[in-house]
Amino acid sequence: MGLLQVYAIETPARTVSDCRIVQHELGESCIPRHPKRVIVMDQESLEILVALGIKPIASTIPNRVASKISLLQHQVGAIADLGKEGQPNLEKIVQLQPDLILGMFITPHIYSLLSGIAPTVSIEYSQTGWKQTLRKVGDVVDKRSEAENHLSDYQQKIEMLNSRFASKTGNLKVCIMRFYTDLQLTQFLNQNSFAVSVLDDTKTFTIPAIQRQIQQVPNSDYGYVNISLEKIDLLDADAIFVAIDPDAEKNFQIYQNSPLWQTLRAVKANHVYTVDSGYWVFGNVLSASEILNDLVKHLASRKA
């Protein structure tokens, strides 16, 4: 008999009095009213729980983008590593004895294994629907008021940013790029992406119109479009933010060393800024707030 089977048999069923029934996309779970040992299956769930005042004991790490630990280290401290997203170390999860497992992108197969260890909740996620995701998790862990407080603070920050840039003429065109560690290509993020949803919230910044018209796959909701050096004109904007995955600097340098790169307005004006892919590519309210900080940091002194 395997370790997972032993644990599932020896774990007593929770009574309705000590837990709450929560409906989610893979079924329903009876979760503890005050979970103490929470494990998350992805970094977005980690970010959300930290924002809501819950410190998970373990998390997976990203497959490509930078970790959110640099953003969350003051709130998280030491946290157990469960391996790569989508490939969690199940034995380690058993040993940690969680009382709640929460995550996004959980497959039915993994869910069946995890729910045998502890109550497991699968959260539906979309890049542009991150506010709804925050509220959903808030409901699951009985922290809806904390979620709403964060969204209120975020909106206030948006209004302060808009006021600060009110003297600028017109919307600033911003291009957001990403470079991968293991792929020699780049992409720009479009209106289906998390980062551009933050830009759109500001009403001050926007992506170039042509980037809204081009899709990676027709009629898809992909948040990015891959491009080659030959299509570099699609990156032309007032400012460029480059999200670089860990150890992907060499791939960015290929573009920087091209004469075509030097033709871009933002490059000529020295308005190209490298940023952390850990919170620019995927995220929630804490990442969104950091994106706003970066926009102010780099563009507030830019002449109208």
C-alpha atoms as a PDB file:
ATOM      1  CA  MET A   1       0.000   0.000   0.000  1.00  0.00           C
ATOM      2  CA  GLY A   2       1.427   3.385  -1.000  1.00  0.00           C
ATOM      3  CA  LEU A   3       2.132   6.353   1.236  1.00  0.00           C
ATOM      4  CA  LEU A   4      -0.802   8.330  -0.183  1.00  0.00           C
ATOM      5  CA  GLN A   5      -3.201   5.451   0.444  1.00  0.00           C
ATOM      6  CA  VAL A   6      -2.032   5.048   4.049  1.00  0.00           C
ATOM      7  CA  TYR A   7      -2.458   8.748   4.729  1.00  0.00           C
ATOM      8  CA  ALA A   8      -5.919   8.859   3.180  1.00  0.00           C
ATOM      9  CA  ILE A   9      -7.072   5.914   5.300  1.00  0.00           C
ATOM     10  CA  GLU A  10      -5.628   7.263   8.558  1.00  0.00           C
ATOM     11  CA  THR A  11      -6.980  10.801   8.073  1.00  0.00           C
ATOM     12  CA  PRO A  12     -10.357  11.075   9.853  1.00  0.00           C
ATOM     13  CA  ALA A  13     -13.248  12.597   7.929  1.00  0.00           C
ATOM     14  CA  ARG A  14     -14.126  16.106   9.008  1.00  0.00           C
ATOM     15  CA  THR A  15     -17.559  16.753  10.383  1.00  0.00           C
ATOM     16  CA  VAL A  16     -19.642  19.609   9.022  1.00  0.00           C
ATOM     17  CA  SER A  17     -19.327  21.348  12.395  1.00  0.00           C
ATOM     18  CA  ASP A  18     -15.544  21.750  12.051  1.00  0.00           C
ATOM     19  CA  CYS A  19     -15.485  22.773   8.410  1.00  0.00           C
ATOM     20  CA  ARG A  20     -17.295  24.662   5.676  1.00  0.00           C
ATOM     21  CA  ILE A  21     -18.466  23.156   2.398  1.00  0.00           C
ATOM     22  CA  VAL A  22     -16.901  25.033  -0.534  1.00  0.00           C
ATOM     23  CA  GLN A  23     -17.951  24.517  -4.140  1.00  0.00           C
ATOM     24  CA  HIS A  24     -15.208  24.815  -6.759  1.00  0.00           C
ATOM     25  CA  GLU A  25     -14.515  23.866 -10.356  1.00  0.00           C
ATOM     26  CA  LEU A  26     -13.497  20.288  -9.549  1.00  0.00           C
ATOM     27  CA  GLY A  27     -16.228  19.535  -7.006  1.00  0.00           C
ATOM     28  CA  GLU A  28     -16.791  20.440  -3.387  1.00  0.00           C
ATOM     29  CA  SER A  29     -14.552  20.307  -0.328  1.00  0.00           C
ATOM     30  CA  CYS A  30     -15.130  20.581   3.401  1.00  0.00           C
ATOM     31  CA  ILE A  31     -12.375  22.955   4.471  1.00  0.00           C
ATOM     32  CA  PRO A  32     -11.388  23.882   8.032  1.00  0.00           C
ATOM     33  CA  ARG A  33     -12.855  27.126   9.339  1.00  0.00           C
ATOM     34  CA  HIS A  34      -9.440  28.350  10.476  1.00  0.00           C
ATOM     35  CA  PRO A  35      -6.764  26.528   8.444  1.00  0.00           C
ATOM     36  CA  LYS A  36      -3.291  26.564  10.000  1.00  0.00           C
ATOM     37  CA  ARG A  37      -1.198  24.481   7.590  1.00  0.00           C
ATOM     38  CA  VAL A  38      -2.013  25.653   4.079  1.00  0.00           C
ATOM     39  CA  ILE A  39      -0.160  24.449   1.007  1.00  0.00           C
ATOM     40  CA  VAL A  40      -0.420  26.151  -2.400  1.00  0.00           C
ATOM     41  CA  MET A  41       0.132  24.665  -5.835  1.00  0.00           C
ATOM     42  CA  ASP A  42       1.245  27.843  -7.605  1.00  0.00           C
ATOM     43  CA  GLN A  43       2.748  31.252  -6.974  1.00  0.00           C
ATOM     44  CA  GLU A  44      -0.428  33.182  -7.736  1.00  0.00           C
ATOM     45  CA  SER A  45      -2.220  31.341  -4.932  1.00  0.00           C
ATOM     46  CA  LEU A  46       0.761  32.038  -2.672  1.00  0.00           C
ATOM     47  CA  GLU A  47       0.528  35.759  -3.441  1.00  0.00           C
ATOM     48  CA  ILE A  48      -3.210  35.891  -2.823  1.00  0.00           C
ATOM     49  CA  LEU A  49      -3.060  34.101   0.520  1.00  0.00           C
ATOM     50  CA  VAL A  50      -0.207  36.312   1.709  1.00  0.00           C
ATOM     51  CA  ALA A  51      -2.255  39.366   0.719  1.00  0.00           C
ATOM     52  CA  LEU A  52      -5.170  37.985   2.749  1.00  0.00           C
ATOM     53  CA  GLY A  53      -2.996  37.518   5.831  1.00  0.00           C
ATOM     54  CA  ILE A  54      -2.414  33.754   5.571  1.00  0.00           C
ATOM     55  CA  LYS A  55       1.131  32.377   5.469  1.00  0.00           C
ATOM     56  CA  PRO A  56       1.303  29.069   3.556  1.00  0.00           C
ATOM     57  CA  ILE A  57       3.789  26.494   4.827  1.00  0.00           C
ATOM     58  CA  ALA A  58       4.763  25.264   1.353  1.00  0.00           C
ATOM     59  CA  SER A  59       4.521  26.176  -2.316  1.00  0.00           C
ATOM     60  CA  THR A  60       5.609  24.991  -5.718  1.00  0.00           C
ATOM     61  CA  ILE A  61       8.059  27.090  -7.729  1.00  0.00           C
ATOM     62  CA  PRO A  62       7.498  28.494 -11.244  1.00  0.00           C
ATOM     63  CA  ASN A  63       8.533  26.592 -14.329  1.00  0.00           C
ATOM     64  CA  ARG A  64       9.983  29.635 -16.112  1.00  0.00           C
ATOM     65  CA  VAL A  65       9.100  33.027 -14.676  1.00  0.00           C
ATOM     66  CA  ALA A  66      10.932  34.396 -11.663  1.00  0.00           C
ATOM     67  CA  SER A  67       9.714  33.387  -8.215  1.00  0.00           C
ATOM     68  CA  LYS A  68       7.503  35.733  -6.200  1.00  0.00           C
ATOM     69  CA  ILE A  69       9.568  35.108  -3.095  1.00  0.00           C
ATOM     70  CA  SER A  70      11.556  38.305  -3.694  1.00  0.00           C
ATOM     71  CA  LEU A  71       8.246  40.210  -3.662  1.00  0.00           C
ATOM     72  CA  LEU A  72       6.806  38.331  -0.687  1.00  0.00           C
ATOM     73  CA  GLN A  73       9.895  37.479   1.375  1.00  0.00           C
ATOM     74  CA  HIS A  74       9.096  39.853   4.238  1.00  0.00           C
ATOM     75  CA  GLN A  75       5.637  38.315   4.702  1.00  0.00           C
ATOM     76  CA  VAL A  76       6.530  34.694   3.919  1.00  0.00           C
ATOM     77  CA  GLY A  77       9.933  33.984   5.451  1.00  0.00           C
ATOM     78  CA  ALA A  78      11.006  30.334   5.226  1.00  0.00           C
ATOM     79  CA  ILE A  79       8.677  28.187   3.153  1.00  0.00           C
ATOM     80  CA  ALA A  80       8.987  24.572   2.007  1.00  0.00           C
ATOM     81  CA  ASP A  81       9.662  23.916  -1.674  1.00  0.00           C
ATOM     82  CA  LEU A  82       7.312  21.396  -3.313  1.00  0.00           C
ATOM     83  CA  GLY A  83       9.054  21.315  -6.693  1.00  0.00           C
ATOM     84  CA  LYS A  84       7.863  22.688 -10.023  1.00  0.00           C
ATOM     85  CA  GLU A  85       4.313  23.859 -10.692  1.00  0.00           C
ATOM     86  CA  GLY A  86       2.295  20.999 -12.161  1.00  0.00           C
ATOM     87  CA  GLN A  87       4.698  18.411 -10.704  1.00  0.00           C
ATOM     88  CA  PRO A  88       4.315  18.711  -6.920  1.00  0.00           C
ATOM     89  CA  ASN A  89       6.243  16.405  -4.603  1.00  0.00           C
ATOM     90  CA  LEU A  90       3.343  14.379  -3.203  1.00  0.00           C
ATOM     91  CA  GLU A  91       5.421  12.561  -0.582  1.00  0.00           C
ATOM     92  CA  LYS A  92       6.574  15.875   0.837  1.00  0.00           C
ATOM     93  CA  ILE A  93       2.998  17.143   0.901  1.00  0.00           C
ATOM     94  CA  VAL A  94       1.967  14.079   2.917  1.00  0.00           C
ATOM     95  CA  GLN A  95       4.830  14.638   5.359  1.00  0.00           C
ATOM     96  CA  LEU A  96       3.860  18.276   5.884  1.00  0.00           C
ATOM     97  CA  GLN A  97       0.345  17.241   6.992  1.00  0.00           C
ATOM     98  CA  PRO A  98      -1.572  20.198   5.502  1.00  0.00           C
ATOM     99  CA  ASP A  99      -5.099  21.014   6.571  1.00  0.00           C
ATOM    100  CA  LEU A 100      -5.871  22.806   3.282  1.00  0.00           C
ATOM    101  CA  ILE A 101      -4.448  22.628  -0.236  1.00  0.00           C
ATOM    102  CA  LEU A 102      -5.317  25.397  -2.663  1.00  0.00           C
ATOM    103  CA  GLY A 103      -4.277  26.088  -6.221  1.00  0.00           C
ATOM    104  CA  MET A 104      -5.004  26.928  -9.824  1.00  0.00           C
ATOM    105  CA  PHE A 105      -4.493  24.777 -12.918  1.00  0.00           C
ATOM    106  CA  ILE A 106      -4.943  21.589 -10.875  1.00  0.00           C
ATOM    107  CA  THR A 107      -5.712  18.660 -13.153  1.00  0.00           C
ATOM    108  CA  PRO A 108      -8.452  16.178 -12.176  1.00  0.00           C
ATOM    109  CA  HIS A 109      -5.779  13.489 -11.686  1.00  0.00           C
ATOM    110  CA  ILE A 110      -3.668  15.610  -9.329  1.00  0.00           C
ATOM    111  CA  TYR A 111      -6.822  16.771  -7.578  1.00  0.00           C
ATOM    112  CA  SER A 112      -7.837  13.189  -6.820  1.00  0.00           C
ATOM    113  CA  LEU A 113      -4.426  12.585  -5.227  1.00  0.00           C
ATOM    114  CA  LEU A 114      -4.313  15.857  -3.295  1.00  0.00           C
ATOM    115  CA  SER A 115      -7.855  15.552  -1.958  1.00  0.00           C
ATOM    116  CA  GLY A 116      -6.851  12.196  -0.480  1.00  0.00           C
ATOM    117  CA  ILE A 117      -4.240  14.039   1.584  1.00  0.00           C
ATOM    118  CA  ALA A 118      -6.210  17.110   2.707  1.00  0.00           C
ATOM    119  CA  PRO A 119      -9.233  19.195   1.666  1.00  0.00           C
ATOM    120  CA  THR A 120      -8.303  20.637  -1.712  1.00  0.00           C
ATOM    121  CA  VAL A 121      -9.804  23.601  -3.546  1.00  0.00           C
ATOM    122  CA  SER A 122      -9.201  24.300  -7.227  1.00  0.00           C
ATOM    123  CA  ILE A 123      -9.494  27.972  -8.161  1.00  0.00           C
ATOM    124  CA  GLU A 124     -10.331  29.030 -11.703  1.00  0.00           C
ATOM    125  CA  TYR A 125      -7.973  31.709 -12.987  1.00  0.00           C
ATOM    126  CA  SER A 126      -7.770  34.066 -15.919  1.00  0.00           C
ATOM    127  CA  GLN A 127      -5.090  36.672 -16.385  1.00  0.00           C
ATOM    128  CA  THR A 128      -7.499  39.573 -16.778  1.00  0.00           C
ATOM    129  CA  GLY A 129      -9.936  38.209 -14.180  1.00  0.00           C
ATOM    130  CA  TRP A 130      -7.465  38.425 -11.301  1.00  0.00           C
ATOM    131  CA  LYS A 131      -9.764  40.635  -9.193  1.00  0.00           C
ATOM    132  CA  GLN A 132     -12.532  38.027  -9.337  1.00  0.00           C
ATOM    133  CA  THR A 133      -9.946  35.377  -8.431  1.00  0.00           C
ATOM    134  CA  LEU A 134      -8.899  37.396  -5.374  1.00  0.00           C
ATOM    135  CA  ARG A 135     -12.529  37.652  -4.264  1.00  0.00           C
ATOM    136  CA  LYS A 136     -13.085  33.933  -4.851  1.00  0.00           C
ATOM    137  CA  VAL A 137     -10.122  32.948  -2.696  1.00  0.00           C
ATOM    138  CA  GLY A 138     -11.264  35.494  -0.110  1.00  0.00           C
ATOM    139  CA  ASP A 139     -14.610  33.695   0.015  1.00  0.00           C
ATOM    140  CA  VAL A 140     -12.947  30.280   0.303  1.00  0.00           C
ATOM    141  CA  VAL A 141     -10.791  31.249   3.302  1.00  0.00           C
ATOM    142  CA  ASP A 142     -13.409  33.592   4.810  1.00  0.00           C
ATOM    143  CA  LYS A 143     -11.345  36.716   4.093  1.00  0.00           C
ATOM    144  CA  ARG A 144     -13.639  38.558   1.652  1.00  0.00           C
ATOM    145  CA  SER A 145     -13.372  41.872   3.531  1.00  0.00           C
ATOM    146  CA  GLU A 146      -9.553  41.728   3.333  1.00  0.00           C
ATOM    147  CA  ALA A 147      -9.812  41.101  -0.417  1.00  0.00           C
ATOM    148  CA  GLU A 148     -12.102  44.109  -0.866  1.00  0.00           C
ATOM    149  CA  ASN A 149      -9.761  46.280   1.205  1.00  0.00           C
ATOM    150  CA  HIS A 150      -6.859  45.389  -1.089  1.00  0.00           C
ATOM    151  CA  LEU A 151      -8.912  46.192  -4.183  1.00  0.00           C
ATOM    152  CA  SER A 152      -9.936  49.528  -2.655  1.00  0.00           C
ATOM    153  CA  ASP A 153      -6.279  50.355  -1.923  1.00  0.00           C
ATOM    154  CA  TYR A 154      -5.367  49.368  -5.476  1.00  0.00           C
ATOM    155  CA  GLN A 155      -8.017  51.697  -6.914  1.00  0.00           C
ATOM    156  CA  GLN A 156      -6.781  54.555  -4.753  1.00  0.00           C
ATOM    157  CA  LYS A 157      -3.274  53.930  -6.042  1.00  0.00           C
ATOM    158  CA  ILE A 158      -4.606  54.047  -9.609  1.00  0.00           C
ATOM    159  CA  GLU A 159      -6.250  57.410  -8.939  1.00  0.00           C
ATOM    160  CA  MET A 160      -3.047  58.808  -7.427  1.00  0.00           C
ATOM    161  CA  LEU A 161      -1.076  57.628 -10.455  1.00  0.00           C
ATOM    162  CA  ASN A 162      -3.567  59.190 -12.876  1.00  0.00           C
ATOM    163  CA  SER A 163      -3.395  62.466 -10.978  1.00  0.00           C
ATOM    164  CA  ARG A 164       0.399  62.425 -11.074  1.00  0.00           C
ATOM    165  CA  PHE A 165       0.428  61.921 -14.841  1.00  0.00           C
ATOM    166  CA  ALA A 166      -2.449  64.330 -15.555  1.00  0.00           C
ATOM    167  CA  SER A 167      -0.087  66.923 -17.060  1.00  0.00           C
ATOM    168  CA  LYS A 168       1.168  64.469 -19.685  1.00  0.00           C
ATOM    169  CA  THR A 169      -0.329  64.884 -23.137  1.00  0.00           C
ATOM    170  CA  GLY A 170      -2.323  61.846 -24.222  1.00  0.00           C
ATOM    171  CA  ASN A 171      -1.925  58.219 -23.184  1.00  0.00           C
ATOM    172  CA  LEU A 172       1.635  56.967 -23.058  1.00  0.00           C
ATOM    173  CA  LYS A 173       2.156  53.972 -25.341  1.00  0.00           C
ATOM    174  CA  VAL A 174       3.857  51.205 -23.399  1.00  0.00           C
ATOM    175  CA  CYS A 175       5.136  47.915 -24.797  1.00  0.00           C
ATOM    176  CA  ILE A 176       5.668  44.987 -22.416  1.00  0.00           C
ATOM    177  CA  MET A 177       8.081  42.294 -23.597  1.00  0.00           C
ATOM    178  CA  ARG A 178       9.149  38.984 -22.119  1.00  0.00           C
ATOM    179  CA  PHE A 179      12.320  36.959 -22.633  1.00  0.00           C
ATOM    180  CA  TYR A 180      12.504  33.261 -21.746  1.00  0.00           C
ATOM    181  CA  THR A 181      15.484  31.383 -20.326  1.00  0.00           C
ATOM    182  CA  ASP A 182      15.294  28.430 -22.713  1.00  0.00           C
ATOM    183  CA  LEU A 183      13.768  29.991 -25.836  1.00  0.00           C
ATOM    184  CA  GLN A 184      15.511  32.420 -28.149  1.00  0.00           C
ATOM    185  CA  LEU A 185      12.428  34.427 -28.935  1.00  0.00           C
ATOM    186  CA  THR A 186      10.573  37.316 -27.449  1.00  0.00           C
ATOM    187  CA  GLN A 187       6.963  38.320 -27.238  1.00  0.00           C
ATOM    188  CA  PHE A 188       4.840  41.300 -26.410  1.00  0.00           C
ATOM    189  CA  LEU A 189       1.986  41.035 -23.918  1.00  0.00           C
ATOM    190  CA  ASN A 190      -1.441  42.025 -25.201  1.00  0.00           C
ATOM    191  CA  GLN A 191      -4.823  42.989 -23.736  1.00  0.00           C
ATOM    192  CA  ASN A 192      -5.464  39.396 -22.605  1.00  0.00           C
ATOM    193  CA  SER A 193      -2.484  39.500 -20.237  1.00  0.00           C
ATOM    194  CA  PHE A 194      -2.302  40.320 -16.542  1.00  0.00           C
ATOM    195  CA  ALA A 195       0.169  43.197 -16.947  1.00  0.00           C
ATOM    196  CA  VAL A 196      -1.800  44.940 -19.689  1.00  0.00           C
ATOM    197  CA  SER A 197      -4.988  44.635 -17.624  1.00  0.00           C
ATOM    198  CA  VAL A 198      -3.176  46.761 -15.035  1.00  0.00           C
ATOM    199  CA  LEU A 199      -2.169  49.294 -17.707  1.00  0.00           C
ATOM    200  CA  ASP A 200      -5.772  49.441 -18.902  1.00  0.00           C
ATOM    201  CA  ASP A 201      -6.988  50.101 -15.351  1.00  0.00           C
ATOM    202  CA  THR A 202      -4.898  53.263 -15.219  1.00  0.00           C
ATOM    203  CA  LYS A 203      -6.429  54.995 -18.276  1.00  0.00           C
ATOM    204  CA  THR A 204      -3.032  56.727 -18.450  1.00  0.00           C
ATOM    205  CA  PHE A 205      -1.011  53.990 -20.142  1.00  0.00           C
ATOM    206  CA  THR A 206      -1.947  51.806 -23.069  1.00  0.00           C
ATOM    207  CA  ILE A 207      -0.268  49.399 -25.439  1.00  0.00           C
ATOM    208  CA  PRO A 208       0.191  50.344 -29.125  1.00  0.00           C
ATOM    209  CA  ALA A 209      -3.022  49.912 -31.109  1.00  0.00           C
ATOM    210  CA  ILE A 210      -1.439  47.396 -33.476  1.00  0.00           C
ATOM    211  CA  GLN A 211      -0.655  45.093 -30.557  1.00  0.00           C
ATOM    212  CA  ARG A 212      -4.372  44.853 -29.777  1.00  0.00           C
ATOM    213  CA  GLN A 213      -5.123  43.786 -33.327  1.00  0.00           C
ATOM    214  CA  ILE A 214      -2.648  40.920 -33.669  1.00  0.00           C
ATOM    215  CA  GLN A 215      -3.352  37.546 -32.044  1.00  0.00           C
ATOM    216  CA  GLN A 216      -1.020  34.624 -31.465  1.00  0.00           C
ATOM    217  CA  VAL A 217      -3.810  32.303 -32.570  1.00  0.00           C
ATOM    218  CA  PRO A 218      -6.952  33.723 -34.257  1.00  0.00           C
ATOM    219  CA  ASN A 219      -9.945  34.016 -31.896  1.00  0.00           C
ATOM    220  CA  SER A 220      -7.804  32.988 -28.914  1.00  0.00           C
ATOM    221  CA  ASP A 221      -7.379  34.577 -25.508  1.00  0.00           C
ATOM    222  CA  TYR A 222      -3.600  34.168 -25.457  1.00  0.00           C
ATOM    223  CA  GLY A 223      -1.994  36.994 -23.481  1.00  0.00           C
ATOM    224  CA  TYR A 224       1.055  37.230 -25.724  1.00  0.00           C
ATOM    225  CA  VAL A 225       2.279  37.282 -29.301  1.00  0.00           C
ATOM    226  CA  ASN A 226       5.658  35.785 -30.209  1.00  0.00           C
ATOM    227  CA  ILE A 227       7.732  37.885 -32.576  1.00  0.00           C
ATOM    228  CA  SER A 228      11.055  37.677 -34.381  1.00  0.00           C
ATOM    229  CA  LEU A 229      13.625  40.404 -34.973  1.00  0.00           C
ATOM    230  CA  GLU A 230      12.158  40.916 -38.433  1.00  0.00           C
ATOM    231  CA  LYS A 231       8.868  42.016 -36.816  1.00  0.00           C
ATOM    232  CA  ILE A 232      10.509  44.294 -34.279  1.00  0.00           C
ATOM    233  CA  ASP A 233       8.525  47.310 -35.512  1.00  0.00           C
ATOM    234  CA  LEU A 234       5.555  45.851 -33.587  1.00  0.00           C
ATOM    235  CA  LEU A 235       7.389  46.845 -30.390  1.00  0.00           C
ATOM    236  CA  ASP A 236       7.534  50.542 -31.213  1.00  0.00           C
ATOM    237  CA  ALA A 237       6.234  52.586 -28.260  1.00  0.00           C
ATOM    238  CA  ASP A 238       7.010  55.534 -25.990  1.00  0.00           C
ATOM    239  CA  ALA A 239       8.458  53.154 -23.394  1.00  0.00           C
ATOM    240  CA  ILE A 240       9.349  49.475 -23.280  1.00  0.00           C
ATOM    241  CA  PHE A 241       9.298  47.293 -20.167  1.00  0.00           C
ATOM    242  CA  VAL A 242      11.256  44.071 -20.563  1.00  0.00           C
ATOM    243  CA  ALA A 243      10.332  41.215 -18.211  1.00  0.00           C
ATOM    244  CA  ILE A 244      13.300  38.868 -18.057  1.00  0.00           C
ATOM    245  CA  ASP A 245      13.017  35.310 -16.799  1.00  0.00           C
ATOM    246  CA  PRO A 246      15.905  33.981 -14.665  1.00  0.00           C
ATOM    247  CA  ASP A 247      19.118  33.690 -16.716  1.00  0.00           C
ATOM    248  CA  ALA A 248      17.420  35.053 -19.854  1.00  0.00           C
ATOM    249  CA  GLU A 249      19.626  38.145 -20.139  1.00  0.00           C
ATOM    250  CA  LYS A 250      21.637  36.586 -22.977  1.00  0.00           C
ATOM    251  CA  ASN A 251      18.491  36.223 -25.075  1.00  0.00           C
ATOM    252  CA  PHE A 252      17.649  39.872 -24.482  1.00  0.00           C
ATOM    253  CA  GLN A 253      21.174  40.815 -25.557  1.00  0.00           C
ATOM    254  CA  ILE A 254      20.595  39.212 -28.970  1.00  0.00           C
ATOM    255  CA  TYR A 255      17.891  41.810 -29.574  1.00  0.00           C
ATOM    256  CA  GLN A 256      19.861  44.647 -28.012  1.00  0.00           C
ATOM    257  CA  ASN A 257      22.811  43.930 -30.300  1.00  0.00           C
ATOM    258  CA  SER A 258      20.684  44.069 -33.444  1.00  0.00           C
ATOM    259  CA  PRO A 259      20.683  47.274 -35.521  1.00  0.00           C
ATOM    260  CA  LEU A 260      16.912  46.810 -35.818  1.00  0.00           C
ATOM    261  CA  TRP A 261      16.561  47.289 -32.066  1.00  0.00           C
ATOM    262  CA  GLN A 262      18.175  50.704 -32.377  1.00  0.00           C
ATOM    263  CA  THR A 263      15.381  51.880 -34.686  1.00  0.00           C
ATOM    264  CA  LEU A 264      12.740  51.793 -31.921  1.00  0.00           C
ATOM    265  CA  ARG A 265      11.631  55.136 -30.452  1.00  0.00           C
ATOM    266  CA  ALA A 266      11.919  53.949 -26.856  1.00  0.00           C
ATOM    267  CA  VAL A 267      15.456  52.709 -27.470  1.00  0.00           C
ATOM    268  CA  LYS A 268      16.509  55.990 -29.064  1.00  0.00           C
ATOM    269  CA  ALA A 269      15.034  57.934 -26.136  1.00  0.00           C
ATOM    270  CA  ASN A 270      16.564  55.595 -23.523  1.00  0.00           C
ATOM    271  CA  HIS A 271      13.137  54.565 -22.242  1.00  0.00           C
ATOM    272  CA  VAL A 272      13.719  50.798 -22.009  1.00  0.00           C
ATOM    273  CA  TYR A 273      13.420  49.301 -18.525  1.00  0.00           C
ATOM    274  CA  THR A 274      14.114  45.755 -17.354  1.00  0.00           C
ATOM    275  CA  VAL A 275      11.704  44.427 -14.735  1.00  0.00           C
ATOM    276  CA  ASP A 276      11.112  41.266 -12.715  1.00  0.00           C
ATOM    277  CA  SER A 277       9.076  38.639 -14.581  1.00  0.00           C
ATOM    278  CA  GLY A 278       7.999  37.280 -11.188  1.00  0.00           C
ATOM    279  CA  TYR A 279       5.343  39.964 -10.882  1.00  0.00           C
ATOM    280  CA  TRP A 280       5.049  41.454 -14.383  1.00  0.00           C
ATOM    281  CA  VAL A 281       3.958  38.305 -16.248  1.00  0.00           C
ATOM    282  CA  PHE A 282       1.443  36.655 -13.879  1.00  0.00           C
ATOM    283  CA  GLY A 283       0.049  37.865 -10.596  1.00  0.00           C
ATOM    284  CA  ASN A 284      -2.623  39.356  -8.447  1.00  0.00           C
ATOM    285  CA  VAL A 285      -3.170  42.459  -6.345  1.00  0.00           C
ATOM    286  CA  LEU A 286       0.324  42.662  -4.804  1.00  0.00           C
ATOM    287  CA  SER A 287       1.970  42.205  -8.203  1.00  0.00           C
ATOM    288  CA  ALA A 288      -0.394  44.753  -9.742  1.00  0.00           C
ATOM    289  CA  SER A 289       0.612  47.267  -7.083  1.00  0.00           C
ATOM    290  CA  GLU A 290       4.300  46.650  -7.838  1.00  0.00           C
ATOM    291  CA  ILE A 291       3.664  47.205 -11.556  1.00  0.00           C
ATOM    292  CA  LEU A 292       2.131  50.583 -10.693  1.00  0.00           C
ATOM    293  CA  ASN A 293       5.220  51.361  -8.606  1.00  0.00           C
ATOM    294  CA  ASP A 294       7.482  50.551 -11.570  1.00  0.00           C
ATOM    295  CA  LEU A 295       5.430  52.742 -13.913  1.00  0.00           C
ATOM    296  CA  VAL A 296       5.759  55.708 -11.573  1.00  0.00           C
ATOM    297  CA  LYS A 297       9.424  55.008 -10.833  1.00  0.00           C
ATOM    298  CA  HIS A 298      10.452  54.956 -14.484  1.00  0.00           C
ATOM    299  CA  LEU A 299       7.971  57.247 -16.223  1.00  0.00           C
ATOM    300  CA  ALA A 300       6.990  59.982 -13.774  1.00  0.00           C
ATOM    301  CA  SER A 301      10.007  62.095 -14.712  1.00  0.00           C
ATOM    302  CA  ARG A 302       9.519  61.545 -18.434  1.00  0.00           C
ATOM    303  CA  LYS A 303       8.801  64.784 -20.253  1.00  0.00           C
ATOM    304  CA  ALA A 304       5.324  65.265 -21.713  1.00  0.00           C
END
